């Protein structure tokens, strides 16, 4: 019997701080601040990983890659995504599509969306048109609107192979 389709939802948030590179969707974005966290703090890839893990019924990113483990200090989030994709294959699934939203006041991310889409698609082993990245501003409200952090949401469809 086929396992069919499953849907997963992911969410992540990180504060912005000086002295860090800003990495989103595996792409370095020029900016005066970067996301702060244990890994490279790629909020977008973290949300995608959580969505994929959720669709598999495998919990969340922290369960598999805890910030208390020094081996994940500074790790590229794309490495985590590669591992999540490996777990997906072992369970007999492949990615159907990924849809995401980044909530950020600054910098302007429009010029970088295609590169993020392409980078994540390569790691997920799907066509770039099956990865969608949207951006919403914080409209000057709350921590995101005051450029204190960024949020990402992701939803994915996985299908049995």
C-alpha atoms as a PDB file:
ATOM      1  CA  UNK A   1       0.000   0.000   0.000  1.00  0.00           C
ATOM      2  CA  UNK A   2       1.326   3.437  -0.945  1.00  0.00           C
ATOM      3  CA  UNK A   3       2.000   5.952   1.819  1.00  0.00           C
ATOM      4  CA  UNK A   4       0.748   8.638  -0.577  1.00  0.00           C
ATOM      5  CA  UNK A   5       1.209  12.312   0.171  1.00  0.00           C
ATOM      6  CA  UNK A   6       2.005  14.130   3.409  1.00  0.00           C
ATOM      7  CA  UNK A   7       2.138  17.832   4.199  1.00  0.00           C
ATOM      8  CA  UNK A   8       4.477  19.527   6.671  1.00  0.00           C
ATOM      9  CA  UNK A   9       4.683  23.020   8.123  1.00  0.00           C
ATOM     10  CA  UNK A  10       7.815  24.696   9.469  1.00  0.00           C
ATOM     11  CA  UNK A  11       8.538  27.943  11.265  1.00  0.00           C
ATOM     12  CA  UNK A  12      11.713  29.542  12.572  1.00  0.00           C
ATOM     13  CA  UNK A  13      12.838  32.864  14.005  1.00  0.00           C
ATOM     14  CA  UNK A  14      16.284  34.278  14.779  1.00  0.00           C
ATOM     15  CA  UNK A  15      17.472  37.641  16.070  1.00  0.00           C
ATOM     16  CA  UNK A  16      19.709  39.853  13.966  1.00  0.00           C
ATOM     17  CA  UNK A  17      23.065  40.976  15.317  1.00  0.00           C
ATOM     18  CA  UNK A  18      26.323  42.604  14.205  1.00  0.00           C
ATOM     19  CA  UNK A  19      29.388  40.613  13.230  1.00  0.00           C
ATOM     20  CA  UNK A  20      27.455  37.767  11.582  1.00  0.00           C
ATOM     21  CA  UNK A  21      26.967  36.882   7.932  1.00  0.00           C
ATOM     22  CA  UNK A  22      23.356  36.957   6.705  1.00  0.00           C
ATOM     23  CA  UNK A  23      22.588  33.591   5.102  1.00  0.00           C
ATOM     24  CA  UNK A  24      19.096  32.930   3.713  1.00  0.00           C
ATOM     25  CA  UNK A  25      18.201  29.917   1.610  1.00  0.00           C
ATOM     26  CA  UNK A  26      21.888  29.015   1.533  1.00  0.00           C
ATOM     27  CA  UNK A  27      22.769  32.354  -0.096  1.00  0.00           C
ATOM     28  CA  UNK A  28      24.922  35.035   1.538  1.00  0.00           C
ATOM     29  CA  UNK A  29      23.135  38.397   1.436  1.00  0.00           C
ATOM     30  CA  UNK A  30      25.086  41.638   1.892  1.00  0.00           C
ATOM     31  CA  UNK A  31      23.836  43.340   5.069  1.00  0.00           C
ATOM     32  CA  UNK A  32      25.198  45.068   8.156  1.00  0.00           C
ATOM     33  CA  UNK A  33      23.730  42.374  10.431  1.00  0.00           C
ATOM     34  CA  UNK A  34      23.379  38.625  10.343  1.00  0.00           C
ATOM     35  CA  UNK A  35      21.132  36.093  12.026  1.00  0.00           C
ATOM     36  CA  UNK A  36      22.339  34.947  15.430  1.00  0.00           C
ATOM     37  CA  UNK A  37      22.237  31.318  16.517  1.00  0.00           C
ATOM     38  CA  UNK A  38      24.194  28.112  16.993  1.00  0.00           C
ATOM     39  CA  UNK A  39      24.539  27.187  13.297  1.00  0.00           C
ATOM     40  CA  UNK A  40      24.741  29.668  10.412  1.00  0.00           C
ATOM     41  CA  UNK A  41      21.185  30.549  11.567  1.00  0.00           C
ATOM     42  CA  UNK A  42      19.623  30.324   8.103  1.00  0.00           C
ATOM     43  CA  UNK A  43      16.051  30.897   9.248  1.00  0.00           C
ATOM     44  CA  UNK A  44      14.640  29.928   5.834  1.00  0.00           C
ATOM     45  CA  UNK A  45      16.408  26.579   5.546  1.00  0.00           C
ATOM     46  CA  UNK A  46      15.547  25.843   9.183  1.00  0.00           C
ATOM     47  CA  UNK A  47      11.839  26.356   8.436  1.00  0.00           C
ATOM     48  CA  UNK A  48      12.118  24.092   5.372  1.00  0.00           C
ATOM     49  CA  UNK A  49      13.847  21.375   7.425  1.00  0.00           C
ATOM     50  CA  UNK A  50      11.130  21.593  10.070  1.00  0.00           C
ATOM     51  CA  UNK A  51       8.419  21.302   7.405  1.00  0.00           C
ATOM     52  CA  UNK A  52      10.052  18.207   5.880  1.00  0.00           C
ATOM     53  CA  UNK A  53      10.671  16.594   9.272  1.00  0.00           C
ATOM     54  CA  UNK A  54       7.076  17.313  10.250  1.00  0.00           C
ATOM     55  CA  UNK A  55       5.715  15.757   7.068  1.00  0.00           C
ATOM     56  CA  UNK A  56       7.708  12.611   7.880  1.00  0.00           C
ATOM     57  CA  UNK A  57       6.437  12.619  11.470  1.00  0.00           C
ATOM     58  CA  UNK A  58      10.007  13.070  12.708  1.00  0.00           C
ATOM     59  CA  UNK A  59       9.672  15.996  15.102  1.00  0.00           C
ATOM     60  CA  UNK A  60      11.684  19.155  14.559  1.00  0.00           C
ATOM     61  CA  UNK A  61      15.169  20.434  13.828  1.00  0.00           C
ATOM     62  CA  UNK A  62      16.170  20.703  17.495  1.00  0.00           C
ATOM     63  CA  UNK A  63      15.371  17.031  18.076  1.00  0.00           C
ATOM     64  CA  UNK A  64      17.789  15.915  15.356  1.00  0.00           C
ATOM     65  CA  UNK A  65      20.418  18.681  15.523  1.00  0.00           C
ATOM     66  CA  UNK A  66      20.389  20.128  19.068  1.00  0.00           C
ATOM     67  CA  UNK A  67      22.099  23.453  19.706  1.00  0.00           C
ATOM     68  CA  UNK A  68      23.662  21.818  22.771  1.00  0.00           C
ATOM     69  CA  UNK A  69      25.777  19.625  20.453  1.00  0.00           C
ATOM     70  CA  UNK A  70      29.068  21.382  19.584  1.00  0.00           C
ATOM     71  CA  UNK A  71      29.344  19.529  16.251  1.00  0.00           C
ATOM     72  CA  UNK A  72      26.578  21.773  14.889  1.00  0.00           C
ATOM     73  CA  UNK A  73      28.274  25.025  15.952  1.00  0.00           C
ATOM     74  CA  UNK A  74      28.502  27.236  12.852  1.00  0.00           C
ATOM     75  CA  UNK A  75      27.347  24.428  10.513  1.00  0.00           C
ATOM     76  CA  UNK A  76      25.841  25.355   7.165  1.00  0.00           C
ATOM     77  CA  UNK A  77      22.114  24.827   7.329  1.00  0.00           C
ATOM     78  CA  UNK A  78      22.339  23.350   3.834  1.00  0.00           C
ATOM     79  CA  UNK A  79      24.230  20.422   5.436  1.00  0.00           C
ATOM     80  CA  UNK A  80      21.271  19.936   7.769  1.00  0.00           C
ATOM     81  CA  UNK A  81      18.893  20.054   4.787  1.00  0.00           C
ATOM     82  CA  UNK A  82      21.028  17.444   2.984  1.00  0.00           C
ATOM     83  CA  UNK A  83      20.702  15.171   6.002  1.00  0.00           C
ATOM     84  CA  UNK A  84      16.933  15.739   6.215  1.00  0.00           C
ATOM     85  CA  UNK A  85      16.634  14.826   2.512  1.00  0.00           C
ATOM     86  CA  UNK A  86      18.608  11.625   3.238  1.00  0.00           C
ATOM     87  CA  UNK A  87      16.148  10.773   6.039  1.00  0.00           C
ATOM     88  CA  UNK A  88      13.279  11.430   3.631  1.00  0.00           C
ATOM     89  CA  UNK A  89      14.702   8.984   1.080  1.00  0.00           C
ATOM     90  CA  UNK A  90      15.245   6.294   3.724  1.00  0.00           C
ATOM     91  CA  UNK A  91      11.568   6.584   4.674  1.00  0.00           C
ATOM     92  CA  UNK A  92      10.567   6.143   1.021  1.00  0.00           C
ATOM     93  CA  UNK A  93       9.582   9.721   0.184  1.00  0.00           C
ATOM     94  CA  UNK A  94      10.643  12.499  -2.153  1.00  0.00           C
ATOM     95  CA  UNK A  95       9.871  16.205  -2.048  1.00  0.00           C
ATOM     96  CA  UNK A  96       6.864  17.245  -4.109  1.00  0.00           C
ATOM     97  CA  UNK A  97       7.211  20.984  -3.560  1.00  0.00           C
ATOM     98  CA  UNK A  98       8.258  23.601  -1.009  1.00  0.00           C
ATOM     99  CA  UNK A  99       6.574  26.970  -0.465  1.00  0.00           C
ATOM    100  CA  UNK A 100       8.098  29.538   1.886  1.00  0.00           C
ATOM    101  CA  UNK A 101       7.715  33.053   3.273  1.00  0.00           C
ATOM    102  CA  UNK A 102      10.503  35.159   4.782  1.00  0.00           C
ATOM    103  CA  UNK A 103       9.340  37.995   7.037  1.00  0.00           C
ATOM    104  CA  UNK A 104      12.058  40.660   7.079  1.00  0.00           C
ATOM    105  CA  UNK A 105      12.132  44.437   7.130  1.00  0.00           C
ATOM    106  CA  UNK A 106      15.590  44.767   5.569  1.00  0.00           C
ATOM    107  CA  UNK A 107      17.567  44.213   3.435  1.00  0.00           C
ATOM    108  CA  UNK A 108      15.631  44.023   0.171  1.00  0.00           C
ATOM    109  CA  UNK A 109      15.636  40.325  -0.716  1.00  0.00           C
ATOM    110  CA  UNK A 110      13.952  40.362  -4.135  1.00  0.00           C
ATOM    111  CA  UNK A 111      17.235  40.233  -6.097  1.00  0.00           C
ATOM    112  CA  UNK A 112      18.289  37.092  -4.175  1.00  0.00           C
ATOM    113  CA  UNK A 113      15.118  34.995  -4.341  1.00  0.00           C
ATOM    114  CA  UNK A 114      15.997  33.065  -7.512  1.00  0.00           C
ATOM    115  CA  UNK A 115      19.394  32.079  -6.054  1.00  0.00           C
ATOM    116  CA  UNK A 116      17.740  30.888  -2.817  1.00  0.00           C
ATOM    117  CA  UNK A 117      15.200  28.906  -4.818  1.00  0.00           C
ATOM    118  CA  UNK A 118      17.899  27.301  -6.973  1.00  0.00           C
ATOM    119  CA  UNK A 119      20.182  26.479  -4.026  1.00  0.00           C
ATOM    120  CA  UNK A 120      17.468  24.823  -1.940  1.00  0.00           C
ATOM    121  CA  UNK A 121      16.099  22.962  -4.991  1.00  0.00           C
ATOM    122  CA  UNK A 122      19.537  21.488  -5.714  1.00  0.00           C
ATOM    123  CA  UNK A 123      19.856  20.165  -2.162  1.00  0.00           C
ATOM    124  CA  UNK A 124      16.259  18.877  -2.146  1.00  0.00           C
ATOM    125  CA  UNK A 125      16.901  17.229  -5.549  1.00  0.00           C
ATOM    126  CA  UNK A 126      13.909  18.868  -7.220  1.00  0.00           C
ATOM    127  CA  UNK A 127      13.397  21.402  -9.991  1.00  0.00           C
ATOM    128  CA  UNK A 128      13.791  25.063  -8.974  1.00  0.00           C
ATOM    129  CA  UNK A 129      10.198  25.801 -10.002  1.00  0.00           C
ATOM    130  CA  UNK A 130       9.071  23.418  -7.238  1.00  0.00           C
ATOM    131  CA  UNK A 131      10.576  25.758  -4.602  1.00  0.00           C
ATOM    132  CA  UNK A 132       8.836  29.066  -4.008  1.00  0.00           C
ATOM    133  CA  UNK A 133      10.302  31.855  -1.866  1.00  0.00           C
ATOM    134  CA  UNK A 134       8.218  34.892  -0.993  1.00  0.00           C
ATOM    135  CA  UNK A 135       9.094  37.913   1.147  1.00  0.00           C
ATOM    136  CA  UNK A 136       6.897  40.039   3.358  1.00  0.00           C
ATOM    137  CA  UNK A 137       8.092  43.083   5.251  1.00  0.00           C
ATOM    138  CA  UNK A 138       7.500  43.649   8.925  1.00  0.00           C
ATOM    139  CA  UNK A 139       5.622  46.855   8.010  1.00  0.00           C
ATOM    140  CA  UNK A 140       7.589  48.570  10.776  1.00  0.00           C
ATOM    141  CA  UNK A 141       5.821  46.503  13.461  1.00  0.00           C
ATOM    142  CA  UNK A 142       7.228  44.332  16.245  1.00  0.00           C
ATOM    143  CA  UNK A 143      10.791  42.971  16.358  1.00  0.00           C
ATOM    144  CA  UNK A 144      10.870  42.135  12.637  1.00  0.00           C
ATOM    145  CA  UNK A 145       9.641  45.599  11.671  1.00  0.00           C
ATOM    146  CA  UNK A 146      12.307  47.151  13.882  1.00  0.00           C
ATOM    147  CA  UNK A 147      14.990  45.003  12.171  1.00  0.00           C
ATOM    148  CA  UNK A 148      15.706  43.020  15.327  1.00  0.00           C
ATOM    149  CA  UNK A 149      15.088  39.624  13.719  1.00  0.00           C
ATOM    150  CA  UNK A 150      13.651  37.580  10.865  1.00  0.00           C
ATOM    151  CA  UNK A 151      11.001  34.903  10.628  1.00  0.00           C
ATOM    152  CA  UNK A 152      10.443  32.181   8.030  1.00  0.00           C
ATOM    153  CA  UNK A 153       7.486  29.912   7.359  1.00  0.00           C
ATOM    154  CA  UNK A 154       7.551  26.861   5.091  1.00  0.00           C
ATOM    155  CA  UNK A 155       5.080  24.278   3.912  1.00  0.00           C
ATOM    156  CA  UNK A 156       5.983  21.221   1.890  1.00  0.00           C
ATOM    157  CA  UNK A 157       4.412  18.264   0.197  1.00  0.00           C
ATOM    158  CA  UNK A 158       6.207  14.946   0.226  1.00  0.00           C
ATOM    159  CA  UNK A 159       5.135  11.900  -1.749  1.00  0.00           C
ATOM    160  CA  UNK A 160       5.969   8.239  -1.528  1.00  0.00           C
ATOM    161  CA  UNK A 161       8.249   6.832  -4.209  1.00  0.00           C
END
